Structures are given as C-alpha cells and as structure tokens.
Amino acid sequence: MQLTCASHHFGEHAISTDIYEPIITMLKKLDFEVRKGSATKLRQRISEELFQLGWSDKTKIDSENDITITSMKGNVGLCMQTGNVSRFYADILKLQFMYIKDKVTAAIYIIPTKTASQKMGSNIAYFERFVEELNLYKHIITIPILIIGIE
C-alpha cells in the first residue's frame, strides 16, 4: 500500500520510532486491493497485523463504560477508521479524553486517503479531511497524533 503521513501537535516526535516504524513497514507491505465494499475486510486485515506486532485488541477508554478505541501499545493509543466520516469525530474525542486522563501520551490514527475512500464507497472517512479538521480544532484537540493515510 502507498502511505501518506501527517502529524498533529508533533505526533511523530511524541511516539517512539520503535512503536510506529513497524506499523509503517507492515502497511507498506500489506497486499490488499481497495475496492467498493472492502472497508470492513481492510479493517480486519490491519487489526490482525497490528495484533501480530504486539498491539492489543479493542481497549476501553474508561472502566466505567464500554466505549473503546481500536488498540493500545504501551502509552500510545491507536484508532483506525474505514467507515462513515461522522465516526472520526468520536475517535478524536476518545483519544483526547484518554490524553487528558493520562492514559495515553500520544496516538496513531490510520485512515484511507480520499482516493481510497472513494473506491470503498460513499461518505467514507478520509485522510485529507481528517488532517484539515484536526488543524481547525488544534487548540481543542491537543493530543499528539501521527496520522497515516493508506491507499
């Protein structure tokens, strides 16, 4: 897969290369055809690969509820969005909550690029919009995030 990366609040510096480089390598080597209706299978495939790299399964953001993020490794949270664009707002809030509560120090966010999202279907979340909106809310969403766009 081809990747595009961006950083919010110096996410690339807040996360050890030992944490994010294996993800970058895995995603670049991932043999997967992005096409209409493939969003769920892509998410499952990446989740399986993350687990092999030592990332957890879904992780609760708080012990008092069942709200989760995709994965955790050490003090880094990870969210992956291959679904409806409206869902990335929930992801941002969950990561910011965990950051404020000192449960994570930074996050990785995996999301399709605009081109890939258009191949998968309509109204799918995409990298370019996510980065643009993080910039819009830069004084509200303060968690350092490394954003990885996949195509």
N, C-alpha and C. Protein backbone atom coordinates (compact mmCIF):
# COMPACT_ATOMS: atom_id res chain seq x y z
N MET A 1 0.84 -1.18 0.00
CA MET A 1 0.00 0.00 0.00
C MET A 1 0.88 1.24 0.00
N GLN A 2 0.34 2.30 -0.55
CA GLN A 2 1.01 3.58 -0.50
C GLN A 2 0.53 4.32 0.74
N LEU A 3 1.46 5.06 1.38
CA LEU A 3 1.12 5.77 2.60
C LEU A 3 1.39 7.26 2.47
N THR A 4 0.60 8.03 3.18
CA THR A 4 0.81 9.46 3.34
C THR A 4 0.71 9.72 4.84
N CYS A 5 1.67 10.45 5.39
CA CYS A 5 1.67 10.70 6.83
C CYS A 5 1.58 12.19 7.13
N ALA A 6 0.98 12.49 8.26
CA ALA A 6 0.90 13.86 8.76
C ALA A 6 1.01 13.79 10.28
N SER A 7 1.27 14.93 10.87
CA SER A 7 1.45 14.98 12.31
C SER A 7 0.63 16.11 12.90
N HIS A 8 0.00 15.84 14.01
CA HIS A 8 -0.77 16.83 14.76
C HIS A 8 -0.09 17.00 16.11
N HIS A 9 0.24 18.21 16.47
CA HIS A 9 0.94 18.50 17.73
C HIS A 9 2.18 17.63 17.91
N PHE A 10 2.97 17.54 16.84
CA PHE A 10 4.25 16.84 16.84
C PHE A 10 4.14 15.35 17.20
N GLY A 11 3.08 14.73 16.70
CA GLY A 11 2.86 13.31 16.96
C GLY A 11 4.03 12.43 16.58
N GLU A 12 4.70 12.75 15.47
CA GLU A 12 5.83 11.92 15.04
C GLU A 12 6.99 11.97 16.03
N HIS A 13 7.07 13.04 16.84
CA HIS A 13 8.13 13.15 17.84
C HIS A 13 7.70 12.58 19.20
N ALA A 14 6.40 12.55 19.45
CA ALA A 14 5.88 12.08 20.73
C ALA A 14 5.83 10.55 20.81
N ILE A 15 5.93 9.90 19.65
CA ILE A 15 5.86 8.44 19.60
C ILE A 15 7.22 7.89 19.19
N SER A 16 7.68 6.92 19.91
CA SER A 16 8.96 6.29 19.61
C SER A 16 8.91 5.62 18.22
N THR A 17 10.01 5.71 17.50
CA THR A 17 10.07 5.04 16.20
C THR A 17 9.91 3.53 16.36
N ASP A 18 10.27 2.99 17.53
CA ASP A 18 10.07 1.56 17.79
C ASP A 18 8.59 1.19 17.77
N ILE A 19 7.74 2.16 18.03
CA ILE A 19 6.29 1.93 18.04
C ILE A 19 5.70 2.09 16.64
N TYR A 20 6.04 3.20 15.95
CA TYR A 20 5.35 3.46 14.68
C TYR A 20 6.04 2.89 13.44
N GLU A 21 7.33 2.69 13.45
CA GLU A 21 8.01 2.17 12.25
C GLU A 21 7.51 0.77 11.85
N PRO A 22 7.31 -0.15 12.80
CA PRO A 22 6.77 -1.46 12.40
C PRO A 22 5.38 -1.34 11.74
N ILE A 23 4.58 -0.39 12.16
CA ILE A 23 3.27 -0.19 11.55
C ILE A 23 3.44 0.32 10.12
N ILE A 24 4.32 1.28 9.94
CA ILE A 24 4.58 1.84 8.61
C ILE A 24 5.06 0.72 7.67
N THR A 25 6.00 -0.08 8.14
CA THR A 25 6.54 -1.19 7.34
C THR A 25 5.44 -2.19 6.99
N MET A 26 4.64 -2.57 7.98
CA MET A 26 3.56 -3.52 7.76
C MET A 26 2.56 -3.00 6.74
N LEU A 27 2.16 -1.74 6.88
CA LEU A 27 1.17 -1.17 5.96
C LEU A 27 1.72 -1.07 4.53
N LYS A 28 2.98 -0.71 4.39
CA LYS A 28 3.59 -0.63 3.06
C LYS A 28 3.61 -2.00 2.38
N LYS A 29 3.82 -3.06 3.16
CA LYS A 29 3.91 -4.41 2.61
C LYS A 29 2.55 -5.08 2.44
N LEU A 30 1.51 -4.50 3.03
CA LEU A 30 0.19 -5.12 3.02
C LEU A 30 -0.33 -5.27 1.60
N ASP A 31 -0.66 -6.49 1.24
CA ASP A 31 -1.19 -6.78 -0.08
C ASP A 31 -2.71 -6.82 0.04
N PHE A 32 -3.35 -5.74 -0.38
CA PHE A 32 -4.80 -5.63 -0.24
C PHE A 32 -5.32 -4.74 -1.35
N GLU A 33 -6.36 -5.20 -2.01
CA GLU A 33 -6.97 -4.40 -3.08
C GLU A 33 -8.13 -3.60 -2.50
N VAL A 34 -7.98 -2.28 -2.52
CA VAL A 34 -9.05 -1.40 -2.07
C VAL A 34 -10.07 -1.29 -3.19
N ARG A 35 -11.33 -1.65 -2.85
CA ARG A 35 -12.41 -1.59 -3.84
C ARG A 35 -13.73 -1.37 -3.11
N LYS A 36 -14.78 -1.22 -3.85
CA LYS A 36 -16.10 -0.98 -3.27
C LYS A 36 -16.46 -2.12 -2.31
N GLY A 37 -16.87 -1.72 -1.11
CA GLY A 37 -17.29 -2.70 -0.12
C GLY A 37 -16.16 -3.37 0.65
N SER A 38 -14.93 -2.92 0.50
CA SER A 38 -13.80 -3.60 1.14
C SER A 38 -13.40 -3.01 2.49
N ALA A 39 -14.11 -2.00 2.97
CA ALA A 39 -13.72 -1.30 4.20
C ALA A 39 -13.62 -2.22 5.41
N THR A 40 -14.61 -3.07 5.62
CA THR A 40 -14.60 -3.95 6.79
C THR A 40 -13.47 -4.96 6.71
N LYS A 41 -13.26 -5.54 5.53
CA LYS A 41 -12.17 -6.51 5.38
C LYS A 41 -10.81 -5.84 5.57
N LEU A 42 -10.66 -4.61 5.09
CA LEU A 42 -9.40 -3.88 5.28
C LEU A 42 -9.15 -3.66 6.76
N ARG A 43 -10.15 -3.24 7.48
CA ARG A 43 -10.03 -3.01 8.92
C ARG A 43 -9.64 -4.31 9.64
N GLN A 44 -10.29 -5.42 9.30
CA GLN A 44 -9.98 -6.70 9.92
C GLN A 44 -8.55 -7.12 9.63
N ARG A 45 -8.14 -6.95 8.39
CA ARG A 45 -6.78 -7.36 7.98
C ARG A 45 -5.72 -6.55 8.73
N ILE A 46 -5.91 -5.24 8.80
CA ILE A 46 -4.93 -4.40 9.52
C ILE A 46 -4.94 -4.73 11.01
N SER A 47 -6.12 -4.96 11.59
CA SER A 47 -6.20 -5.32 13.01
C SER A 47 -5.43 -6.60 13.31
N GLU A 48 -5.56 -7.60 12.43
CA GLU A 48 -4.82 -8.85 12.61
C GLU A 48 -3.31 -8.60 12.57
N GLU A 49 -2.88 -7.78 11.64
CA GLU A 49 -1.45 -7.47 11.52
C GLU A 49 -0.96 -6.69 12.74
N LEU A 50 -1.77 -5.76 13.24
CA LEU A 50 -1.39 -5.00 14.44
C LEU A 50 -1.22 -5.92 15.63
N PHE A 51 -2.13 -6.88 15.77
CA PHE A 51 -2.05 -7.84 16.86
C PHE A 51 -0.73 -8.62 16.79
N GLN A 52 -0.32 -8.99 15.58
CA GLN A 52 0.95 -9.69 15.40
C GLN A 52 2.14 -8.82 15.80
N LEU A 53 1.96 -7.49 15.74
CA LEU A 53 3.02 -6.55 16.12
C LEU A 53 2.98 -6.21 17.61
N GLY A 54 2.09 -6.86 18.36
CA GLY A 54 2.04 -6.64 19.79
C GLY A 54 1.03 -5.61 20.26
N TRP A 55 0.17 -5.16 19.36
CA TRP A 55 -0.89 -4.22 19.74
C TRP A 55 -2.05 -5.00 20.35
N SER A 56 -2.78 -4.35 21.24
CA SER A 56 -3.90 -5.00 21.92
C SER A 56 -5.12 -5.10 21.01
N ASP A 57 -6.13 -5.81 21.50
CA ASP A 57 -7.46 -5.76 20.88
C ASP A 57 -8.10 -4.44 21.30
N LYS A 58 -9.39 -4.30 21.04
CA LYS A 58 -10.11 -3.10 21.46
C LYS A 58 -9.84 -2.81 22.93
N THR A 59 -9.70 -1.52 23.25
CA THR A 59 -9.37 -1.10 24.60
C THR A 59 -10.39 -0.08 25.08
N LYS A 60 -10.94 -0.31 26.27
CA LYS A 60 -11.88 0.63 26.85
C LYS A 60 -11.16 1.94 27.20
N ILE A 61 -11.85 3.05 26.95
CA ILE A 61 -11.24 4.34 27.28
C ILE A 61 -11.38 4.65 28.77
N ASP A 62 -12.32 3.94 29.43
CA ASP A 62 -12.58 4.16 30.83
C ASP A 62 -13.26 2.90 31.39
N SER A 63 -12.96 2.56 32.61
CA SER A 63 -13.52 1.33 33.18
C SER A 63 -15.01 1.42 33.47
N GLU A 64 -15.56 2.61 33.45
CA GLU A 64 -16.97 2.82 33.78
C GLU A 64 -17.92 2.64 32.60
N ASN A 65 -17.39 2.42 31.37
CA ASN A 65 -18.27 2.28 30.20
C ASN A 65 -17.66 1.32 29.19
N ASP A 66 -18.36 1.12 28.10
CA ASP A 66 -17.90 0.18 27.07
C ASP A 66 -17.39 0.89 25.81
N ILE A 67 -17.06 2.15 25.91
CA ILE A 67 -16.53 2.89 24.77
C ILE A 67 -15.07 2.48 24.57
N THR A 68 -14.70 2.17 23.32
CA THR A 68 -13.36 1.65 23.05
C THR A 68 -12.65 2.40 21.92
N ILE A 69 -11.33 2.21 21.91
CA ILE A 69 -10.52 2.57 20.75
C ILE A 69 -10.02 1.27 20.13
N THR A 70 -9.45 1.37 18.96
CA THR A 70 -9.02 0.18 18.22
C THR A 70 -7.98 -0.64 18.96
N SER A 71 -6.97 0.04 19.53
CA SER A 71 -5.85 -0.70 20.10
C SER A 71 -4.98 0.20 20.98
N MET A 72 -4.11 -0.45 21.76
CA MET A 72 -3.13 0.25 22.59
C MET A 72 -1.82 -0.54 22.56
N LYS A 73 -0.74 0.20 22.71
CA LYS A 73 0.56 -0.42 22.94
C LYS A 73 1.34 0.54 23.82
N GLY A 74 1.65 0.09 25.02
CA GLY A 74 2.30 0.98 25.98
C GLY A 74 1.40 2.17 26.27
N ASN A 75 1.95 3.36 26.09
CA ASN A 75 1.17 4.57 26.36
C ASN A 75 0.68 5.26 25.08
N VAL A 76 0.58 4.48 24.01
CA VAL A 76 0.12 5.01 22.72
C VAL A 76 -1.21 4.36 22.35
N GLY A 77 -2.19 5.21 22.07
CA GLY A 77 -3.48 4.73 21.60
C GLY A 77 -3.50 4.69 20.09
N LEU A 78 -4.35 3.83 19.54
CA LEU A 78 -4.46 3.73 18.09
C LEU A 78 -5.93 3.62 17.72
N CYS A 79 -6.32 4.44 16.75
CA CYS A 79 -7.65 4.34 16.17
C CYS A 79 -7.50 4.14 14.67
N MET A 80 -8.40 3.37 14.13
CA MET A 80 -8.44 3.14 12.69
C MET A 80 -9.87 3.38 12.24
N GLN A 81 -10.02 4.17 11.19
CA GLN A 81 -11.37 4.46 10.70
C GLN A 81 -11.44 4.15 9.22
N THR A 82 -12.29 3.19 8.88
CA THR A 82 -12.54 2.87 7.47
C THR A 82 -14.04 2.99 7.17
N GLY A 83 -14.76 3.63 8.10
CA GLY A 83 -16.20 3.75 7.94
C GLY A 83 -16.65 5.18 7.68
N ASN A 84 -17.87 5.46 8.08
CA ASN A 84 -18.51 6.74 7.82
C ASN A 84 -17.71 7.90 8.40
N VAL A 85 -17.65 8.97 7.64
CA VAL A 85 -16.87 10.14 8.02
C VAL A 85 -17.28 10.70 9.38
N SER A 86 -18.54 10.57 9.74
CA SER A 86 -19.00 11.12 11.01
C SER A 86 -18.37 10.42 12.21
N ARG A 87 -17.84 9.22 12.03
CA ARG A 87 -17.26 8.47 13.14
C ARG A 87 -15.89 9.00 13.58
N PHE A 88 -15.19 9.73 12.72
CA PHE A 88 -13.87 10.16 13.18
C PHE A 88 -13.95 11.21 14.27
N TYR A 89 -15.06 11.90 14.39
CA TYR A 89 -15.21 12.86 15.49
C TYR A 89 -15.24 12.13 16.83
N ALA A 90 -15.92 10.99 16.89
CA ALA A 90 -15.93 10.20 18.11
C ALA A 90 -14.53 9.71 18.44
N ASP A 91 -13.79 9.28 17.43
CA ASP A 91 -12.42 8.82 17.65
C ASP A 91 -11.56 9.93 18.25
N ILE A 92 -11.68 11.12 17.71
CA ILE A 92 -10.89 12.25 18.21
C ILE A 92 -11.22 12.53 19.67
N LEU A 93 -12.51 12.51 20.01
CA LEU A 93 -12.91 12.76 21.39
C LEU A 93 -12.40 11.67 22.33
N LYS A 94 -12.47 10.42 21.89
CA LYS A 94 -11.99 9.32 22.72
C LYS A 94 -10.49 9.46 22.99
N LEU A 95 -9.73 9.77 21.95
CA LEU A 95 -8.28 9.92 22.13
C LEU A 95 -7.96 11.11 23.02
N GLN A 96 -8.65 12.23 22.83
CA GLN A 96 -8.42 13.41 23.66
C GLN A 96 -8.77 13.13 25.11
N PHE A 97 -9.87 12.41 25.34
CA PHE A 97 -10.26 12.02 26.70
C PHE A 97 -9.15 11.21 27.36
N MET A 98 -8.63 10.22 26.65
CA MET A 98 -7.58 9.38 27.21
C MET A 98 -6.31 10.18 27.49
N TYR A 99 -6.03 11.16 26.64
CA TYR A 99 -4.86 12.02 26.82
C TYR A 99 -5.02 12.88 28.08
N ILE A 100 -6.18 13.48 28.24
CA ILE A 100 -6.45 14.33 29.41
C ILE A 100 -6.39 13.51 30.70
N LYS A 101 -6.82 12.25 30.64
CA LYS A 101 -6.83 11.36 31.81
C LYS A 101 -5.48 10.65 32.01
N ASP A 102 -4.46 11.03 31.22
CA ASP A 102 -3.11 10.45 31.32
C ASP A 102 -3.08 8.95 31.06
N LYS A 103 -3.99 8.47 30.22
CA LYS A 103 -3.99 7.05 29.85
C LYS A 103 -3.14 6.82 28.60
N VAL A 104 -2.95 7.86 27.80
CA VAL A 104 -2.05 7.82 26.65
C VAL A 104 -1.26 9.13 26.61
N THR A 105 -0.09 9.06 25.97
CA THR A 105 0.70 10.27 25.78
C THR A 105 0.64 10.75 24.33
N ALA A 106 0.18 9.86 23.45
CA ALA A 106 0.08 10.18 22.02
C ALA A 106 -0.77 9.12 21.34
N ALA A 107 -1.03 9.34 20.04
CA ALA A 107 -1.88 8.39 19.31
C ALA A 107 -1.43 8.24 17.87
N ILE A 108 -1.83 7.13 17.29
CA ILE A 108 -1.67 6.87 15.86
C ILE A 108 -3.08 6.72 15.30
N TYR A 109 -3.31 7.32 14.14
CA TYR A 109 -4.62 7.25 13.50
C TYR A 109 -4.43 6.76 12.08
N ILE A 110 -5.05 5.63 11.75
CA ILE A 110 -4.95 5.04 10.41
C ILE A 110 -6.28 5.27 9.69
N ILE A 111 -6.19 5.83 8.49
CA ILE A 111 -7.40 6.22 7.76
C ILE A 111 -7.09 6.19 6.25
N PRO A 112 -8.05 5.83 5.42
CA PRO A 112 -7.81 5.84 3.97
C PRO A 112 -7.62 7.27 3.45
N THR A 113 -6.89 7.38 2.34
CA THR A 113 -6.80 8.66 1.65
C THR A 113 -8.13 8.91 0.94
N LYS A 114 -8.29 10.10 0.42
CA LYS A 114 -9.53 10.43 -0.29
C LYS A 114 -9.74 9.49 -1.48
N THR A 115 -8.69 9.22 -2.23
CA THR A 115 -8.79 8.33 -3.38
C THR A 115 -9.25 6.94 -2.96
N ALA A 116 -8.64 6.40 -1.90
CA ALA A 116 -9.02 5.07 -1.42
C ALA A 116 -10.44 5.05 -0.88
N SER A 117 -10.82 6.10 -0.16
CA SER A 117 -12.18 6.13 0.41
C SER A 117 -13.24 6.17 -0.69
N GLN A 118 -12.94 6.88 -1.77
CA GLN A 118 -13.89 6.93 -2.89
C GLN A 118 -14.05 5.58 -3.56
N LYS A 119 -12.97 4.80 -3.59
CA LYS A 119 -13.05 3.45 -4.15
C LYS A 119 -13.89 2.53 -3.26
N MET A 120 -13.83 2.75 -1.94
CA MET A 120 -14.53 1.88 -0.99
C MET A 120 -16.03 2.14 -0.93
N GLY A 121 -16.43 3.37 -1.18
CA GLY A 121 -17.86 3.67 -1.09
C GLY A 121 -18.10 5.15 -0.90
N SER A 122 -19.31 5.50 -0.52
CA SER A 122 -19.65 6.90 -0.33
C SER A 122 -19.61 7.27 1.15
N ASN A 123 -19.22 8.51 1.40
CA ASN A 123 -19.19 9.08 2.75
C ASN A 123 -18.24 8.36 3.70
N ILE A 124 -17.17 7.78 3.15
CA ILE A 124 -16.14 7.11 3.95
C ILE A 124 -15.14 8.16 4.44
N ALA A 125 -14.73 8.05 5.70
CA ALA A 125 -13.75 8.97 6.28
C ALA A 125 -12.46 8.93 5.46
N TYR A 126 -11.80 10.09 5.35
CA TYR A 126 -10.54 10.10 4.61
C TYR A 126 -9.52 11.06 5.20
N PHE A 127 -8.26 10.73 4.94
CA PHE A 127 -7.07 11.37 5.49
C PHE A 127 -7.09 12.89 5.34
N GLU A 128 -7.30 13.38 4.14
CA GLU A 128 -7.18 14.81 3.88
C GLU A 128 -8.18 15.62 4.72
N ARG A 129 -9.40 15.15 4.81
CA ARG A 129 -10.40 15.85 5.62
C ARG A 129 -10.06 15.76 7.11
N PHE A 130 -9.61 14.59 7.54
CA PHE A 130 -9.24 14.40 8.94
C PHE A 130 -8.14 15.38 9.35
N VAL A 131 -7.10 15.49 8.54
CA VAL A 131 -5.98 16.39 8.84
C VAL A 131 -6.46 17.84 8.85
N GLU A 132 -7.27 18.20 7.87
CA GLU A 132 -7.80 19.57 7.80
C GLU A 132 -8.61 19.91 9.05
N GLU A 133 -9.44 18.99 9.48
CA GLU A 133 -10.28 19.28 10.64
C GLU A 133 -9.49 19.25 11.95
N LEU A 134 -8.48 18.41 12.04
CA LEU A 134 -7.61 18.47 13.22
C LEU A 134 -6.95 19.84 13.31
N ASN A 135 -6.51 20.38 12.18
CA ASN A 135 -5.90 21.71 12.18
C ASN A 135 -6.91 22.77 12.63
N LEU A 136 -8.14 22.63 12.21
CA LEU A 136 -9.19 23.57 12.61
C LEU A 136 -9.38 23.55 14.13
N TYR A 137 -9.30 22.37 14.73
CA TYR A 137 -9.52 22.23 16.17
C TYR A 137 -8.22 22.07 16.96
N LYS A 138 -7.12 22.63 16.45
CA LYS A 138 -5.82 22.42 17.07
C LYS A 138 -5.70 22.90 18.51
N HIS A 139 -6.51 23.88 18.91
CA HIS A 139 -6.46 24.35 20.29
C HIS A 139 -7.39 23.55 21.20
N ILE A 140 -8.21 22.72 20.64
CA ILE A 140 -9.14 21.88 21.41
C ILE A 140 -8.62 20.45 21.49
N ILE A 141 -8.17 19.92 20.34
CA ILE A 141 -7.62 18.56 20.28
C ILE A 141 -6.11 18.69 20.40
N THR A 142 -5.59 18.44 21.60
CA THR A 142 -4.19 18.72 21.89
C THR A 142 -3.31 17.46 21.96
N ILE A 143 -3.91 16.30 21.86
CA ILE A 143 -3.12 15.08 21.89
C ILE A 143 -2.22 15.01 20.66
N PRO A 144 -0.95 14.67 20.82
CA PRO A 144 -0.09 14.45 19.66
C PRO A 144 -0.56 13.20 18.89
N ILE A 145 -0.74 13.37 17.57
CA ILE A 145 -1.24 12.26 16.75
C ILE A 145 -0.39 12.13 15.50
N LEU A 146 0.03 10.92 15.19
CA LEU A 146 0.63 10.59 13.90
C LEU A 146 -0.49 10.01 13.05
N ILE A 147 -0.79 10.68 11.94
CA ILE A 147 -1.87 10.24 11.07
C ILE A 147 -1.27 9.53 9.87
N ILE A 148 -1.76 8.33 9.58
CA ILE A 148 -1.27 7.53 8.46
C ILE A 148 -2.42 7.33 7.47
N GLY A 149 -2.26 7.89 6.29
CA GLY A 149 -3.24 7.70 5.23
C GLY A 149 -2.83 6.52 4.38
N ILE A 150 -3.77 5.61 4.13
CA ILE A 150 -3.47 4.40 3.36
C ILE A 150 -4.22 4.41 2.03
N GLU A 151 -3.53 3.91 1.00
CA GLU A 151 -4.13 3.87 -0.35
C GLU A 151 -3.67 2.61 -1.06
